[in-house]
Amino acid sequence: MRMNSKIEITDVLPSIQVPTLVIHRTDDVTIEVEAGRTLGECIPNARYVELPGADHLPWVGDFERITMEIEEFITGSKSVPIIDRVLVTVMFSDIVGSTTKAEALGDERWQGLMTTHNAVLHTELERFRGNEVRFTGDCFLTTFDGPGRAIKCAMAISRRLRPLGIEIRLGLHTGEVEFHEGEIHGIAINMTARIGALAGGQ
């Protein structure tokens, strides 16, 4: 490493006559970004690309961006990413007044009630082939491949939780969503949340 740090090739850079791509991350922890900028400036007609990040090794961190830059440099164009966009029915469920109820019951009784609540939802989701996407506290976000099963699932959940004294809001909406790394995105999610917020406790 000491030997590498003492190598000086600035004088020979102008003699490079082949197409050159220089990629450097702004906060590279091993080599300062000025070194990459110098390469880009001194090599004739070089293309310099500065990317955010601190990783030195190209296969660490946001390596997809590096491979895209290399692909464009070699082929002249970047690949168009394939978007996994599908039509689904989204269901949003949350407990009405959960904070107030938790304070009234105390931690132990509330945890017991939440365990029952979660078991009911998981059972009904499995029965109606729902896919749990996200669970935060007392809120469930799930998807179904059709509105019929989603409606039946929502009714079954409400029917089973009512005798336990658990009031829930359920919002359902059918629309297109994008799947990315296990999460879903899109306006359909916002619409479902809004519908759930308008619902009365059941």
N, C-alpha and C. Protein backbone atom coordinates (compact mmCIF):
# COMPACT_ATOMS: atom_id res chain seq x y z
N MET A 1 0.83 -1.20 0.00
CA MET A 1 0.00 0.00 0.00
C MET A 1 0.86 1.26 0.00
N ARG A 2 2.00 1.22 0.76
CA ARG A 2 2.89 2.38 0.77
C ARG A 2 3.47 2.62 -0.62
N MET A 3 3.85 1.54 -1.30
CA MET A 3 4.41 1.66 -2.64
C MET A 3 3.36 2.23 -3.60
N ASN A 4 2.15 1.73 -3.52
CA ASN A 4 1.09 2.22 -4.40
C ASN A 4 0.83 3.70 -4.18
N SER A 5 0.89 4.12 -2.91
CA SER A 5 0.60 5.52 -2.61
C SER A 5 1.66 6.47 -3.15
N LYS A 6 2.85 5.93 -3.48
CA LYS A 6 3.94 6.79 -3.96
C LYS A 6 4.06 6.79 -5.49
N ILE A 7 3.22 5.99 -6.16
CA ILE A 7 3.29 5.95 -7.62
C ILE A 7 2.76 7.27 -8.19
N GLU A 8 3.50 7.85 -9.10
CA GLU A 8 3.12 9.12 -9.72
C GLU A 8 3.09 8.93 -11.23
N ILE A 9 1.90 8.99 -11.83
CA ILE A 9 1.77 8.76 -13.27
C ILE A 9 1.15 9.95 -14.00
N THR A 10 1.04 11.08 -13.32
CA THR A 10 0.38 12.24 -13.91
C THR A 10 1.01 12.63 -15.25
N ASP A 11 2.33 12.53 -15.35
CA ASP A 11 3.02 12.97 -16.57
C ASP A 11 2.65 12.14 -17.79
N VAL A 12 2.28 10.86 -17.58
CA VAL A 12 2.00 10.00 -18.73
C VAL A 12 0.52 9.99 -19.12
N LEU A 13 -0.32 10.59 -18.30
CA LEU A 13 -1.76 10.55 -18.58
C LEU A 13 -2.12 11.16 -19.93
N PRO A 14 -1.51 12.29 -20.34
CA PRO A 14 -1.88 12.87 -21.64
C PRO A 14 -1.55 11.98 -22.84
N SER A 15 -0.72 10.95 -22.63
CA SER A 15 -0.35 10.09 -23.76
C SER A 15 -1.35 8.96 -24.00
N ILE A 16 -2.31 8.81 -23.11
CA ILE A 16 -3.31 7.76 -23.27
C ILE A 16 -4.23 8.13 -24.43
N GLN A 17 -4.37 7.24 -25.40
CA GLN A 17 -5.14 7.52 -26.61
C GLN A 17 -6.33 6.59 -26.81
N VAL A 18 -6.75 5.89 -25.78
CA VAL A 18 -7.89 4.98 -25.90
C VAL A 18 -9.08 5.55 -25.12
N PRO A 19 -10.30 5.20 -25.51
CA PRO A 19 -11.47 5.66 -24.74
C PRO A 19 -11.33 5.25 -23.28
N THR A 20 -11.56 6.21 -22.39
CA THR A 20 -11.31 5.97 -20.97
C THR A 20 -12.50 6.43 -20.14
N LEU A 21 -12.88 5.59 -19.21
CA LEU A 21 -13.94 5.92 -18.25
C LEU A 21 -13.31 5.92 -16.86
N VAL A 22 -13.46 7.03 -16.15
CA VAL A 22 -12.96 7.14 -14.78
C VAL A 22 -14.17 7.29 -13.86
N ILE A 23 -14.31 6.37 -12.91
CA ILE A 23 -15.41 6.41 -11.94
C ILE A 23 -14.82 6.54 -10.55
N HIS A 24 -15.29 7.50 -9.79
CA HIS A 24 -14.78 7.70 -8.44
C HIS A 24 -15.92 8.09 -7.53
N ARG A 25 -15.92 7.55 -6.32
CA ARG A 25 -16.93 7.93 -5.34
C ARG A 25 -16.44 9.15 -4.55
N THR A 26 -17.36 10.06 -4.31
CA THR A 26 -17.00 11.37 -3.73
C THR A 26 -16.26 11.25 -2.41
N ASP A 27 -16.70 10.36 -1.54
CA ASP A 27 -16.11 10.24 -0.20
C ASP A 27 -15.29 8.97 -0.04
N ASP A 28 -14.67 8.53 -1.12
CA ASP A 28 -13.82 7.32 -1.10
C ASP A 28 -12.88 7.37 0.10
N VAL A 29 -12.93 6.32 0.92
CA VAL A 29 -12.12 6.31 2.16
C VAL A 29 -10.68 5.90 1.90
N THR A 30 -10.39 5.38 0.72
CA THR A 30 -9.03 4.91 0.43
C THR A 30 -8.25 5.90 -0.43
N ILE A 31 -8.87 6.40 -1.47
CA ILE A 31 -8.22 7.35 -2.36
C ILE A 31 -9.08 8.60 -2.47
N GLU A 32 -8.49 9.74 -2.23
CA GLU A 32 -9.24 10.99 -2.26
C GLU A 32 -9.81 11.25 -3.65
N VAL A 33 -10.97 11.88 -3.67
CA VAL A 33 -11.67 12.10 -4.92
C VAL A 33 -10.88 12.98 -5.88
N GLU A 34 -9.99 13.82 -5.36
CA GLU A 34 -9.20 14.68 -6.23
C GLU A 34 -8.34 13.86 -7.19
N ALA A 35 -7.92 12.68 -6.75
CA ALA A 35 -7.11 11.82 -7.62
C ALA A 35 -7.92 11.37 -8.83
N GLY A 36 -9.17 11.00 -8.60
CA GLY A 36 -10.03 10.62 -9.71
C GLY A 36 -10.31 11.78 -10.64
N ARG A 37 -10.53 12.96 -10.06
CA ARG A 37 -10.78 14.15 -10.88
C ARG A 37 -9.57 14.48 -11.75
N THR A 38 -8.38 14.28 -11.18
CA THR A 38 -7.16 14.54 -11.95
C THR A 38 -7.06 13.60 -13.14
N LEU A 39 -7.38 12.33 -12.93
CA LEU A 39 -7.36 11.37 -14.04
C LEU A 39 -8.32 11.82 -15.14
N GLY A 40 -9.52 12.21 -14.73
CA GLY A 40 -10.51 12.63 -15.71
C GLY A 40 -10.09 13.85 -16.49
N GLU A 41 -9.35 14.75 -15.85
CA GLU A 41 -8.92 15.99 -16.50
C GLU A 41 -7.71 15.78 -17.41
N CYS A 42 -6.80 14.89 -16.99
CA CYS A 42 -5.53 14.76 -17.70
C CYS A 42 -5.54 13.74 -18.83
N ILE A 43 -6.45 12.77 -18.79
CA ILE A 43 -6.53 11.79 -19.87
C ILE A 43 -7.37 12.40 -21.00
N PRO A 44 -6.84 12.50 -22.19
CA PRO A 44 -7.56 13.13 -23.29
C PRO A 44 -8.92 12.47 -23.55
N ASN A 45 -9.97 13.30 -23.60
CA ASN A 45 -11.33 12.86 -23.92
C ASN A 45 -11.87 11.81 -22.95
N ALA A 46 -11.31 11.74 -21.76
CA ALA A 46 -11.81 10.78 -20.78
C ALA A 46 -13.19 11.20 -20.29
N ARG A 47 -13.98 10.21 -19.95
CA ARG A 47 -15.27 10.49 -19.35
C ARG A 47 -15.14 10.27 -17.84
N TYR A 48 -15.43 11.31 -17.07
CA TYR A 48 -15.32 11.23 -15.62
C TYR A 48 -16.71 11.20 -15.00
N VAL A 49 -16.95 10.20 -14.15
CA VAL A 49 -18.23 10.05 -13.46
C VAL A 49 -17.95 10.00 -11.97
N GLU A 50 -18.53 10.92 -11.24
CA GLU A 50 -18.36 10.94 -9.79
C GLU A 50 -19.68 10.52 -9.14
N LEU A 51 -19.62 9.47 -8.32
CA LEU A 51 -20.82 8.92 -7.70
C LEU A 51 -20.79 9.15 -6.19
N PRO A 52 -21.94 9.26 -5.58
CA PRO A 52 -21.97 9.39 -4.11
C PRO A 52 -21.54 8.09 -3.45
N GLY A 53 -21.01 8.20 -2.24
CA GLY A 53 -20.60 7.01 -1.50
C GLY A 53 -19.18 7.12 -0.98
N ALA A 54 -18.83 6.20 -0.08
CA ALA A 54 -17.51 6.21 0.53
C ALA A 54 -16.72 4.93 0.26
N ASP A 55 -17.35 3.95 -0.38
CA ASP A 55 -16.69 2.67 -0.62
C ASP A 55 -15.66 2.79 -1.74
N HIS A 56 -14.53 2.14 -1.56
CA HIS A 56 -13.48 2.16 -2.58
C HIS A 56 -13.65 1.01 -3.58
N LEU A 57 -13.95 -0.17 -3.07
CA LEU A 57 -14.11 -1.33 -3.95
C LEU A 57 -15.37 -1.17 -4.80
N PRO A 58 -15.27 -1.37 -6.10
CA PRO A 58 -16.40 -1.12 -6.98
C PRO A 58 -17.58 -2.07 -6.77
N TRP A 59 -17.33 -3.26 -6.21
CA TRP A 59 -18.41 -4.21 -6.03
C TRP A 59 -19.08 -4.09 -4.65
N VAL A 60 -18.73 -3.05 -3.91
CA VAL A 60 -19.33 -2.80 -2.59
C VAL A 60 -20.19 -1.54 -2.69
N GLY A 61 -21.29 -1.52 -1.95
CA GLY A 61 -22.17 -0.34 -1.97
C GLY A 61 -23.07 -0.35 -3.19
N ASP A 62 -23.27 0.83 -3.77
CA ASP A 62 -24.17 0.97 -4.92
C ASP A 62 -23.46 0.53 -6.20
N PHE A 63 -23.15 -0.77 -6.29
CA PHE A 63 -22.41 -1.26 -7.45
C PHE A 63 -23.26 -1.27 -8.72
N GLU A 64 -24.62 -1.30 -8.55
CA GLU A 64 -25.47 -1.30 -9.73
C GLU A 64 -25.25 -0.05 -10.57
N ARG A 65 -25.06 1.09 -9.88
CA ARG A 65 -24.85 2.35 -10.60
C ARG A 65 -23.54 2.30 -11.38
N ILE A 66 -22.52 1.68 -10.79
CA ILE A 66 -21.24 1.57 -11.48
C ILE A 66 -21.37 0.70 -12.72
N THR A 67 -22.05 -0.44 -12.59
CA THR A 67 -22.20 -1.32 -13.76
C THR A 67 -23.03 -0.65 -14.85
N MET A 68 -24.01 0.18 -14.46
CA MET A 68 -24.79 0.91 -15.46
C MET A 68 -23.93 1.91 -16.22
N GLU A 69 -23.02 2.60 -15.50
CA GLU A 69 -22.13 3.55 -16.15
C GLU A 69 -21.18 2.84 -17.11
N ILE A 70 -20.66 1.69 -16.69
CA ILE A 70 -19.76 0.93 -17.55
C ILE A 70 -20.50 0.43 -18.78
N GLU A 71 -21.73 -0.06 -18.57
CA GLU A 71 -22.51 -0.56 -19.69
C GLU A 71 -22.78 0.55 -20.71
N GLU A 72 -23.14 1.74 -20.23
CA GLU A 72 -23.41 2.85 -21.14
C GLU A 72 -22.13 3.26 -21.87
N PHE A 73 -21.00 3.24 -21.18
CA PHE A 73 -19.73 3.63 -21.80
C PHE A 73 -19.35 2.67 -22.92
N ILE A 74 -19.62 1.37 -22.71
CA ILE A 74 -19.22 0.37 -23.70
C ILE A 74 -20.24 0.26 -24.84
N THR A 75 -21.52 0.28 -24.50
CA THR A 75 -22.55 0.02 -25.51
C THR A 75 -23.21 1.29 -26.05
N GLY A 76 -23.09 2.39 -25.30
CA GLY A 76 -23.73 3.62 -25.73
C GLY A 76 -25.11 3.85 -25.15
N SER A 77 -25.61 2.88 -24.37
CA SER A 77 -26.93 3.05 -23.76
C SER A 77 -27.01 2.23 -22.48
N LYS A 78 -27.91 2.67 -21.60
CA LYS A 78 -28.15 1.95 -20.36
C LYS A 78 -29.36 1.04 -20.51
N SER A 79 -29.34 -0.07 -19.81
CA SER A 79 -30.49 -0.96 -19.81
C SER A 79 -31.67 -0.29 -19.13
N VAL A 80 -32.83 -0.50 -19.67
CA VAL A 80 -34.04 0.02 -19.03
C VAL A 80 -34.44 -0.94 -17.92
N PRO A 81 -34.50 -0.47 -16.67
CA PRO A 81 -34.85 -1.38 -15.58
C PRO A 81 -36.27 -1.92 -15.74
N ILE A 82 -36.43 -3.19 -15.42
CA ILE A 82 -37.75 -3.82 -15.50
C ILE A 82 -38.51 -3.52 -14.21
N ILE A 83 -39.66 -2.90 -14.36
CA ILE A 83 -40.47 -2.53 -13.20
C ILE A 83 -41.51 -3.61 -12.96
N ASP A 84 -41.49 -4.16 -11.79
CA ASP A 84 -42.45 -5.21 -11.42
C ASP A 84 -43.73 -4.54 -10.95
N ARG A 85 -44.61 -4.21 -11.89
CA ARG A 85 -45.84 -3.47 -11.59
C ARG A 85 -47.03 -4.38 -11.87
N VAL A 86 -47.88 -4.56 -10.87
CA VAL A 86 -49.01 -5.48 -11.00
C VAL A 86 -50.27 -4.86 -10.41
N LEU A 87 -51.40 -5.41 -10.82
CA LEU A 87 -52.69 -5.00 -10.30
C LEU A 87 -53.04 -5.88 -9.11
N VAL A 88 -53.27 -5.28 -7.95
CA VAL A 88 -53.59 -6.04 -6.74
C VAL A 88 -54.69 -5.31 -5.97
N THR A 89 -55.26 -6.01 -5.02
CA THR A 89 -56.15 -5.37 -4.05
C THR A 89 -55.37 -5.23 -2.76
N VAL A 90 -55.29 -4.01 -2.28
CA VAL A 90 -54.52 -3.69 -1.08
C VAL A 90 -55.47 -3.56 0.10
N MET A 91 -55.08 -4.13 1.24
CA MET A 91 -55.88 -4.00 2.46
C MET A 91 -55.02 -3.39 3.56
N PHE A 92 -55.55 -2.37 4.20
CA PHE A 92 -54.87 -1.71 5.31
C PHE A 92 -55.73 -1.89 6.55
N SER A 93 -55.12 -2.36 7.62
CA SER A 93 -55.85 -2.63 8.86
C SER A 93 -55.12 -2.00 10.04
N ASP A 94 -55.86 -1.29 10.91
CA ASP A 94 -55.26 -0.82 12.15
C ASP A 94 -56.29 -0.79 13.25
N ILE A 95 -55.81 -0.80 14.48
CA ILE A 95 -56.69 -0.85 15.65
C ILE A 95 -57.11 0.56 16.02
N VAL A 96 -58.41 0.76 16.25
CA VAL A 96 -58.94 2.06 16.63
C VAL A 96 -58.53 2.39 18.06
N GLY A 97 -57.95 3.58 18.26
CA GLY A 97 -57.59 4.02 19.60
C GLY A 97 -56.63 3.10 20.32
N SER A 98 -55.63 2.61 19.60
CA SER A 98 -54.72 1.62 20.18
C SER A 98 -53.92 2.19 21.36
N THR A 99 -53.47 3.43 21.25
CA THR A 99 -52.67 4.01 22.33
C THR A 99 -53.48 4.14 23.61
N THR A 100 -54.70 4.65 23.49
CA THR A 100 -55.58 4.80 24.65
C THR A 100 -55.89 3.45 25.27
N LYS A 101 -56.17 2.49 24.42
CA LYS A 101 -56.51 1.14 24.91
C LYS A 101 -55.32 0.49 25.60
N ALA A 102 -54.12 0.70 25.04
CA ALA A 102 -52.92 0.12 25.65
C ALA A 102 -52.67 0.71 27.04
N GLU A 103 -52.88 2.01 27.17
CA GLU A 103 -52.69 2.67 28.47
C GLU A 103 -53.71 2.18 29.49
N ALA A 104 -54.93 1.94 29.04
CA ALA A 104 -55.98 1.49 29.95
C ALA A 104 -55.76 0.05 30.42
N LEU A 105 -55.26 -0.80 29.52
CA LEU A 105 -55.09 -2.22 29.85
C LEU A 105 -53.78 -2.51 30.56
N GLY A 106 -52.76 -1.72 30.30
CA GLY A 106 -51.43 -2.03 30.83
C GLY A 106 -50.67 -2.91 29.86
N ASP A 107 -49.36 -2.95 30.03
CA ASP A 107 -48.50 -3.63 29.07
C ASP A 107 -48.82 -5.11 28.90
N GLU A 108 -48.97 -5.82 30.01
CA GLU A 108 -49.14 -7.27 29.93
C GLU A 108 -50.43 -7.65 29.22
N ARG A 109 -51.55 -7.04 29.63
CA ARG A 109 -52.84 -7.36 29.01
C ARG A 109 -52.88 -6.90 27.56
N TRP A 110 -52.25 -5.75 27.28
CA TRP A 110 -52.23 -5.26 25.90
C TRP A 110 -51.43 -6.19 24.99
N GLN A 111 -50.30 -6.67 25.48
CA GLN A 111 -49.51 -7.60 24.68
C GLN A 111 -50.26 -8.88 24.41
N GLY A 112 -51.00 -9.35 25.40
CA GLY A 112 -51.83 -10.53 25.20
C GLY A 112 -52.90 -10.31 24.14
N LEU A 113 -53.51 -9.13 24.19
CA LEU A 113 -54.54 -8.80 23.21
C LEU A 113 -53.93 -8.67 21.81
N MET A 114 -52.73 -8.07 21.72
CA MET A 114 -52.07 -7.94 20.43
C MET A 114 -51.68 -9.29 19.85
N THR A 115 -51.27 -10.22 20.72
CA THR A 115 -50.93 -11.56 20.25
C THR A 115 -52.14 -12.23 19.63
N THR A 116 -53.30 -12.09 20.29
CA THR A 116 -54.54 -12.65 19.75
C THR A 116 -54.92 -11.99 18.43
N HIS A 117 -54.83 -10.66 18.41
CA HIS A 117 -55.14 -9.89 17.21
C HIS A 117 -54.27 -10.34 16.03
N ASN A 118 -52.97 -10.46 16.26
CA ASN A 118 -52.06 -10.85 15.19
C ASN A 118 -52.33 -12.27 14.71
N ALA A 119 -52.66 -13.16 15.65
CA ALA A 119 -52.95 -14.54 15.28
C ALA A 119 -54.20 -14.61 14.40
N VAL A 120 -55.20 -13.83 14.73
CA VAL A 120 -56.44 -13.80 13.92
C VAL A 120 -56.12 -13.32 12.51
N LEU A 121 -55.38 -12.22 12.41
CA LEU A 121 -55.06 -11.70 11.08
C LEU A 121 -54.25 -12.69 10.26
N HIS A 122 -53.25 -13.30 10.88
CA HIS A 122 -52.43 -14.25 10.13
C HIS A 122 -53.25 -15.46 9.67
N THR A 123 -54.14 -15.93 10.53
CA THR A 123 -54.98 -17.08 10.16
C THR A 123 -55.87 -16.75 8.97
N GLU A 124 -56.53 -15.59 9.03
CA GLU A 124 -57.43 -15.21 7.95
C GLU A 124 -56.68 -14.86 6.67
N LEU A 125 -55.52 -14.25 6.80
CA LEU A 125 -54.72 -13.95 5.61
C LEU A 125 -54.30 -15.23 4.89
N GLU A 126 -53.92 -16.21 5.67
CA GLU A 126 -53.54 -17.50 5.08
C GLU A 126 -54.75 -18.16 4.42
N ARG A 127 -55.91 -18.08 5.08
CA ARG A 127 -57.12 -18.72 4.54
C ARG A 127 -57.56 -18.10 3.22
N PHE A 128 -57.41 -16.78 3.11
CA PHE A 128 -57.87 -16.09 1.90
C PHE A 128 -56.72 -15.69 0.98
N ARG A 129 -55.55 -16.29 1.21
CA ARG A 129 -54.38 -16.13 0.35
C ARG A 129 -53.93 -14.69 0.24
N GLY A 130 -53.92 -14.00 1.37
CA GLY A 130 -53.39 -12.64 1.42
C GLY A 130 -51.89 -12.67 1.67
N ASN A 131 -51.19 -11.66 1.21
CA ASN A 131 -49.74 -11.57 1.38
C ASN A 131 -49.40 -10.39 2.29
N GLU A 132 -48.85 -10.70 3.46
CA GLU A 132 -48.45 -9.64 4.38
C GLU A 132 -47.22 -8.93 3.83
N VAL A 133 -47.34 -7.62 3.65
CA VAL A 133 -46.24 -6.82 3.12
C VAL A 133 -45.53 -6.07 4.22
N ARG A 134 -46.29 -5.51 5.16
CA ARG A 134 -45.69 -4.70 6.20
C ARG A 134 -46.54 -4.78 7.46
N PHE A 135 -45.86 -4.85 8.60
CA PHE A 135 -46.54 -4.84 9.90
C PHE A 135 -45.80 -3.89 10.80
N THR A 136 -46.49 -2.85 11.27
CA THR A 136 -45.88 -1.87 12.17
C THR A 136 -46.80 -1.65 13.35
N GLY A 137 -46.42 -2.17 14.49
CA GLY A 137 -47.22 -1.97 15.70
C GLY A 137 -48.56 -2.65 15.60
N ASP A 138 -49.62 -1.86 15.35
CA ASP A 138 -50.96 -2.43 15.25
C ASP A 138 -51.52 -2.29 13.84
N CYS A 139 -50.67 -2.04 12.86
CA CYS A 139 -51.12 -1.83 11.47
C CYS A 139 -50.59 -2.93 10.56
N PHE A 140 -51.47 -3.46 9.73
CA PHE A 140 -51.11 -4.46 8.74
C PHE A 140 -51.36 -3.91 7.35
N LEU A 141 -50.40 -4.12 6.44
CA LEU A 141 -50.58 -3.80 5.03
C LEU A 141 -50.43 -5.10 4.26
N THR A 142 -51.47 -5.49 3.53
CA THR A 142 -51.47 -6.77 2.84
C THR A 142 -51.99 -6.60 1.42
N THR A 143 -51.70 -7.58 0.57
CA THR A 143 -52.19 -7.56 -0.80
C THR A 143 -52.90 -8.88 -1.12
N PHE A 144 -53.84 -8.79 -2.06
CA PHE A 144 -54.57 -9.96 -2.54
C PHE A 144 -54.59 -9.91 -4.06
N ASP A 145 -54.74 -11.09 -4.68
CA ASP A 145 -54.77 -11.12 -6.14
C ASP A 145 -56.15 -10.82 -6.71
N GLY A 146 -57.10 -10.55 -5.84
CA GLY A 146 -58.44 -10.20 -6.32
C GLY A 146 -59.25 -9.57 -5.20
N PRO A 147 -60.22 -8.70 -5.55
CA PRO A 147 -61.01 -8.00 -4.52
C PRO A 147 -61.95 -8.91 -3.75
N GLY A 148 -62.45 -9.98 -4.37
CA GLY A 148 -63.39 -10.86 -3.68
C GLY A 148 -62.82 -11.46 -2.41
N ARG A 149 -61.61 -12.03 -2.52
CA ARG A 149 -60.99 -12.64 -1.34
C ARG A 149 -60.63 -11.58 -0.31
N ALA A 150 -60.22 -10.41 -0.78
CA ALA A 150 -59.86 -9.34 0.15
C ALA A 150 -61.07 -8.91 0.99
N ILE A 151 -62.22 -8.76 0.35
CA ILE A 151 -63.43 -8.35 1.06
C ILE A 151 -63.85 -9.42 2.06
N LYS A 152 -63.81 -10.67 1.64
CA LYS A 152 -64.18 -11.77 2.53
C LYS A 152 -63.22 -11.86 3.72
N CYS A 153 -61.95 -11.63 3.46
CA CYS A 153 -60.95 -11.68 4.52
C CYS A 153 -61.21 -10.55 5.53
N ALA A 154 -61.48 -9.35 5.02
CA ALA A 154 -61.74 -8.21 5.90
C ALA A 154 -62.97 -8.47 6.78
N MET A 155 -64.01 -9.04 6.21
CA MET A 155 -65.22 -9.33 6.97
C MET A 155 -64.97 -10.39 8.03
N ALA A 156 -64.16 -11.40 7.67
CA ALA A 156 -63.86 -12.47 8.63
C ALA A 156 -63.03 -11.94 9.80
N ILE A 157 -62.05 -11.08 9.50
CA ILE A 157 -61.23 -10.49 10.56
C ILE A 157 -62.08 -9.66 11.51
N SER A 158 -62.92 -8.82 10.94
CA SER A 158 -63.80 -7.97 11.76
C SER A 158 -64.72 -8.81 12.63
N ARG A 159 -65.28 -9.84 12.05
CA ARG A 159 -66.23 -10.71 12.77
C ARG A 159 -65.55 -11.42 13.94
N ARG A 160 -64.31 -11.85 13.76
CA ARG A 160 -63.62 -12.58 14.81
C ARG A 160 -63.07 -11.67 15.92
N LEU A 161 -62.71 -10.43 15.56
CA LEU A 161 -62.11 -9.54 16.56
C LEU A 161 -63.16 -8.81 17.41
N ARG A 162 -64.36 -8.63 16.86
CA ARG A 162 -65.39 -7.85 17.56
C ARG A 162 -65.70 -8.42 18.95
N PRO A 163 -65.88 -9.72 19.10
CA PRO A 163 -66.18 -10.27 20.44
C PRO A 163 -65.04 -10.08 21.45
N LEU A 164 -63.83 -9.83 20.95
CA LEU A 164 -62.68 -9.64 21.83
C LEU A 164 -62.54 -8.20 22.29
N GLY A 165 -63.45 -7.34 21.82
CA GLY A 165 -63.39 -5.94 22.20
C GLY A 165 -62.35 -5.15 21.43
N ILE A 166 -61.94 -5.65 20.26
CA ILE A 166 -60.95 -4.96 19.43
C ILE A 166 -61.66 -4.32 18.26
N GLU A 167 -61.62 -3.00 18.21
CA GLU A 167 -62.20 -2.28 17.07
C GLU A 167 -61.09 -2.01 16.06
N ILE A 168 -61.37 -2.31 14.81
CA ILE A 168 -60.36 -2.08 13.77
C ILE A 168 -60.97 -1.29 12.61
N ARG A 169 -60.10 -0.58 11.92
CA ARG A 169 -60.46 0.07 10.67
C ARG A 169 -59.86 -0.76 9.54
N LEU A 170 -60.63 -0.96 8.50
CA LEU A 170 -60.15 -1.71 7.35
C LEU A 170 -60.39 -0.90 6.08
N GLY A 171 -59.35 -0.67 5.33
CA GLY A 171 -59.46 0.02 4.04
C GLY A 171 -59.02 -0.91 2.93
N LEU A 172 -59.80 -0.96 1.85
CA LEU A 172 -59.46 -1.79 0.70
C LEU A 172 -59.52 -0.97 -0.57
N HIS A 173 -58.58 -1.22 -1.48
CA HIS A 173 -58.55 -0.51 -2.75
C HIS A 173 -57.82 -1.38 -3.76
N THR A 174 -58.32 -1.39 -4.99
CA THR A 174 -57.68 -2.15 -6.07
C THR A 174 -56.98 -1.18 -7.01
N GLY A 175 -55.71 -1.43 -7.26
CA GLY A 175 -54.94 -0.57 -8.15
C GLY A 175 -53.58 -1.17 -8.43
N GLU A 176 -52.81 -0.50 -9.27
CA GLU A 176 -51.48 -0.98 -9.62
C GLU A 176 -50.45 -0.54 -8.58
N VAL A 177 -49.54 -1.44 -8.26
CA VAL A 177 -48.45 -1.14 -7.34
C VAL A 177 -47.15 -1.64 -7.93
N GLU A 178 -46.04 -1.09 -7.44
CA GLU A 178 -44.72 -1.55 -7.84
C GLU A 178 -44.09 -2.33 -6.70
N PHE A 179 -43.56 -3.49 -7.00
CA PHE A 179 -42.85 -4.30 -6.01
C PHE A 179 -41.37 -4.05 -6.14
N HIS A 180 -40.72 -3.77 -5.01
CA HIS A 180 -39.28 -3.54 -5.01
C HIS A 180 -38.70 -3.97 -3.67
N GLU A 181 -37.84 -5.00 -3.71
CA GLU A 181 -37.15 -5.51 -2.52
C GLU A 181 -38.12 -5.81 -1.37
N GLY A 182 -39.20 -6.48 -1.69
CA GLY A 182 -40.15 -6.92 -0.68
C GLY A 182 -41.14 -5.85 -0.24
N GLU A 183 -41.00 -4.64 -0.76
CA GLU A 183 -41.92 -3.55 -0.42
C GLU A 183 -42.78 -3.22 -1.63
N ILE A 184 -43.93 -2.57 -1.38
CA ILE A 184 -44.77 -2.13 -2.48
C ILE A 184 -44.90 -0.61 -2.42
N HIS A 185 -45.01 -0.01 -3.61
CA HIS A 185 -45.08 1.44 -3.71
C HIS A 185 -46.15 1.81 -4.73
N GLY A 186 -46.68 3.00 -4.61
CA GLY A 186 -47.64 3.48 -5.59
C GLY A 186 -48.79 4.21 -4.93
N ILE A 187 -49.55 4.94 -5.76
CA ILE A 187 -50.66 5.73 -5.27
C ILE A 187 -51.74 4.85 -4.66
N ALA A 188 -51.81 3.59 -5.09
CA ALA A 188 -52.82 2.68 -4.54
C ALA A 188 -52.64 2.49 -3.04
N ILE A 189 -51.41 2.56 -2.56
CA ILE A 189 -51.16 2.42 -1.12
C ILE A 189 -51.74 3.62 -0.38
N ASN A 190 -51.50 4.81 -0.93
CA ASN A 190 -52.04 6.02 -0.30
C ASN A 190 -53.56 6.03 -0.29
N MET A 191 -54.14 5.58 -1.40
CA MET A 191 -55.60 5.53 -1.48
C MET A 191 -56.18 4.58 -0.45
N THR A 192 -55.52 3.44 -0.27
CA THR A 192 -55.99 2.46 0.72
C THR A 192 -55.94 3.02 2.12
N ALA A 193 -54.86 3.72 2.45
CA ALA A 193 -54.72 4.33 3.77
C ALA A 193 -55.80 5.38 4.00
N ARG A 194 -56.11 6.18 2.96
CA ARG A 194 -57.13 7.20 3.09
C ARG A 194 -58.51 6.59 3.32
N ILE A 195 -58.78 5.52 2.57
CA ILE A 195 -60.07 4.82 2.75
C ILE A 195 -60.16 4.26 4.15
N GLY A 196 -59.07 3.67 4.64
CA GLY A 196 -59.07 3.12 6.00
C GLY A 196 -59.30 4.20 7.04
N ALA A 197 -58.74 5.39 6.81
CA ALA A 197 -58.90 6.49 7.76
C ALA A 197 -60.34 6.96 7.83
N LEU A 198 -61.08 6.82 6.73
CA LEU A 198 -62.48 7.23 6.69
C LEU A 198 -63.42 6.20 7.30
N ALA A 199 -62.94 4.98 7.45
CA ALA A 199 -63.79 3.90 7.94
C ALA A 199 -64.06 4.05 9.43
N GLY A 200 -65.25 3.63 9.85
CA GLY A 200 -65.56 3.59 11.27
C GLY A 200 -65.05 2.29 11.87
N GLY A 201 -64.92 2.25 13.16
CA GLY A 201 -64.46 1.03 13.82
C GLY A 201 -65.49 -0.07 13.68
N GLN A 202 -65.01 -1.30 13.50
CA GLN A 202 -65.91 -2.45 13.35
C GLN A 202 -65.56 -3.50 14.39
